[in-house]
Every structure is written in C-alpha cells, then in structure tokens.
Protein backbone atom coordinates (compact mmCIF):
# COMPACT_ATOMS: atom_id res chain seq x y z
CA MET A 1 19.03 11.85 -12.46
CA LYS A 2 20.52 13.55 -9.39
CA LYS A 3 18.27 16.57 -9.88
CA ILE A 4 15.19 14.33 -9.89
CA LYS A 5 16.30 12.51 -6.73
CA ASN A 6 16.95 15.82 -4.97
CA TYR A 7 13.53 17.10 -6.03
CA PHE A 8 11.80 14.06 -4.51
CA LYS A 9 13.88 14.33 -1.32
CA LYS A 10 12.78 17.95 -0.92
CA LYS A 11 9.17 16.98 -1.69
CA LYS A 12 9.27 14.19 0.91
CA ALA A 13 10.72 16.58 3.50
CA SER A 14 7.93 19.09 2.81
CA ILE A 15 5.31 16.37 3.28
CA VAL A 16 6.76 15.51 6.68
CA LEU A 17 6.64 19.17 7.71
CA LYS A 18 3.05 19.56 6.51
CA THR A 19 1.80 16.51 8.40
CA LEU A 20 2.65 17.87 11.84
CA LYS A 21 -0.83 19.32 12.42
CA LYS A 22 -3.63 16.81 11.96
CA GLU A 23 -6.71 18.30 10.33
CA ILE A 24 -9.74 16.23 9.35
CA SER A 25 -12.33 17.57 6.92
CA LYS A 26 -16.00 17.67 7.82
CA ASN A 27 -18.95 16.19 5.94
CA GLY A 28 -19.40 17.94 2.58
CA GLN A 29 -15.97 19.60 2.55
CA LYS A 30 -12.98 18.93 0.36
CA ILE A 31 -10.31 16.95 2.18
CA THR A 32 -7.57 18.88 3.93
CA GLU A 33 -3.94 19.05 2.93
CA TRP A 34 -3.14 16.77 5.87
CA GLU A 35 -5.52 14.12 4.51
CA VAL A 36 -4.05 14.40 0.99
CA ASN A 37 -0.58 13.85 2.45
CA PHE A 38 -1.89 10.95 4.55
CA PHE A 39 -3.29 9.27 1.41
CA ASN A 40 -0.01 9.81 -0.45
CA LYS A 41 2.05 8.50 2.43
CA ASN A 42 -0.09 5.51 3.54
CA GLY A 43 -1.84 4.36 0.39
CA TRP A 44 -5.53 3.63 0.84
CA GLN A 45 -5.57 3.69 4.61
CA CYS A 46 -8.34 5.73 6.27
CA PRO A 47 -7.15 9.14 7.50
CA ASN A 48 -10.09 9.37 9.93
CA CYS A 49 -9.28 6.36 12.13
CA GLU A 50 -5.76 5.75 10.74
CA LYS A 51 -6.38 1.97 10.93
CA GLY A 52 -8.90 0.84 8.35
CA HIS A 53 -8.46 0.16 4.69
CA LEU A 54 -10.67 2.07 2.24
CA TYR A 55 -12.91 -0.02 -0.01
CA GLU A 56 -14.54 0.95 -3.28
CA GLY A 57 -18.27 1.57 -3.23
CA PRO A 58 -20.77 3.02 -5.71
CA SER A 59 -19.45 4.96 -8.67
CA GLY A 60 -20.88 7.12 -11.39
CA GLY A 61 -19.46 9.40 -14.04
CA MET A 62 -15.82 9.98 -13.20
CA SER A 63 -16.12 9.67 -9.43
CA THR A 64 -16.11 6.76 -6.99
CA ASN A 65 -17.09 6.53 -3.35
CA ILE A 66 -14.61 4.86 -1.02
CA ARG A 67 -15.35 3.91 2.60
CA CYS A 68 -13.54 2.61 5.65
CA ARG A 69 -14.74 -0.71 7.07
CA ILE A 70 -13.66 0.23 10.59
CA CYS A 71 -15.09 3.71 11.15
CA GLY A 72 -17.48 4.05 8.17
CA GLN A 73 -15.89 7.29 6.93
CA GLY A 74 -16.47 7.90 3.23
CA TYR A 75 -14.85 9.94 0.51
CA ASN A 76 -15.93 10.80 -3.04
CA ILE A 77 -12.83 10.65 -5.21
CA THR A 78 -12.31 11.63 -8.84
CA PRO A 79 -8.93 10.15 -9.79
CA ILE A 80 -8.61 12.22 -12.98
CA LEU A 81 -8.83 15.49 -11.01
CA GLY A 82 -6.40 14.35 -8.31
CA LEU A 83 -6.70 13.84 -4.56
CA GLU A 84 -7.06 17.58 -3.90
CA ASN A 85 -10.63 17.46 -5.26
CA THR A 86 -11.73 14.57 -3.05
CA GLU A 87 -14.77 15.29 -0.86
CA ASN A 88 -15.63 13.97 2.59
CA ILE A 89 -19.08 12.33 2.35
CA GLY A 90 -19.49 11.58 6.03
CA ILE A 91 -19.83 8.41 8.08
CA ASP A 92 -22.19 5.60 7.12
CA GLU A 93 -22.58 3.15 9.99
CA SER A 94 -23.95 0.44 7.69
CA TRP A 95 -20.44 0.07 6.23
CA ILE A 96 -18.84 -0.68 9.59
CA ASP A 97 -17.80 -4.32 9.75
CA GLU A 98 -19.99 -6.32 12.19
CA GLN A 99 -17.01 -8.42 13.26
CA TYR A 100 -15.17 -5.23 14.21
CA ILE A 101 -18.15 -4.02 16.25
CA ARG A 102 -18.35 -7.39 18.04
CA SER A 103 -14.63 -7.26 18.82
CA LEU A 104 -15.06 -3.75 20.28
CA LYS A 105 -17.91 -4.98 22.50
CA LEU A 106 -15.88 -8.02 23.61
CA ASN A 107 -12.87 -5.83 24.42
CA LYS A 108 -15.10 -3.51 26.42
CA ILE A 109 -16.49 -6.46 28.42
CA LYS A 110 -12.98 -7.84 29.01
CA ASN A 111 -11.75 -4.46 30.20
CA GLU A 112 -14.69 -4.11 32.62
CA THR A 113 -14.13 -7.58 34.09
CA THR A 114 -10.39 -7.01 34.56
CA ARG A 115 -11.08 -3.70 36.33
CA LYS A 116 -13.45 -5.43 38.78
CA ASN A 117 -10.85 -8.07 39.66
C-alpha cells in the first residue's frame, strides 16, 4: 500500500512540474500535455478560459464533442483511447451562453460609466 501511495505522490508532483508552462492547442491539433494535466487536475473545466464547464454535444462512433458554454471552445474526445488522443475542434460562438454575453456587455457598460465618474 505504501508503494502505491508513494507512486501517486510522485505522479502528482510531476503533474505540478509539467503545468508550469501553459500551452493551448490550436484548431485541428491534439491537445497539449498541459491541457491533459489540466483536465486531470480540474475535472471537466475548460482549459481555454479556465472558468467554464464542458458540456457534452454531438457524438458518433466512439467519440463525443464537448464544448465550453463560456468561451465556445470544443474538443473531440474518445474516452476509450484516453485524453492524450483528444483533438481541439475550435471555437463555436453559437455555444456561448447568451446570459454570459449579456453579463459581459453589462460589465463593460458599468466599467465605462465608473471611469467617467
């Protein structure tokens, strides 16, 4: 049991070391090691904006598309093959939550009015 605990402690330490440099994949590329570690560390939180939760979208065969409601970033994931084979499928603005967009616009207006005063 101690050997297993030590293994996971070493693995966790290596993840922390690997996450120092943030690298985001581009449209059509496999996700980077940083993004894989981000998924493992933060569950289904979006590595692109680091705020939004990823939601399941269309699926077919063994793969499923997941997208962020905040930034619209999408990924094509095949759970059987592991996170390392996940692809970045780009940003789809139609997925961005309208309420989030409205809140951004309201915050922008509030910031402009406070600057004038």
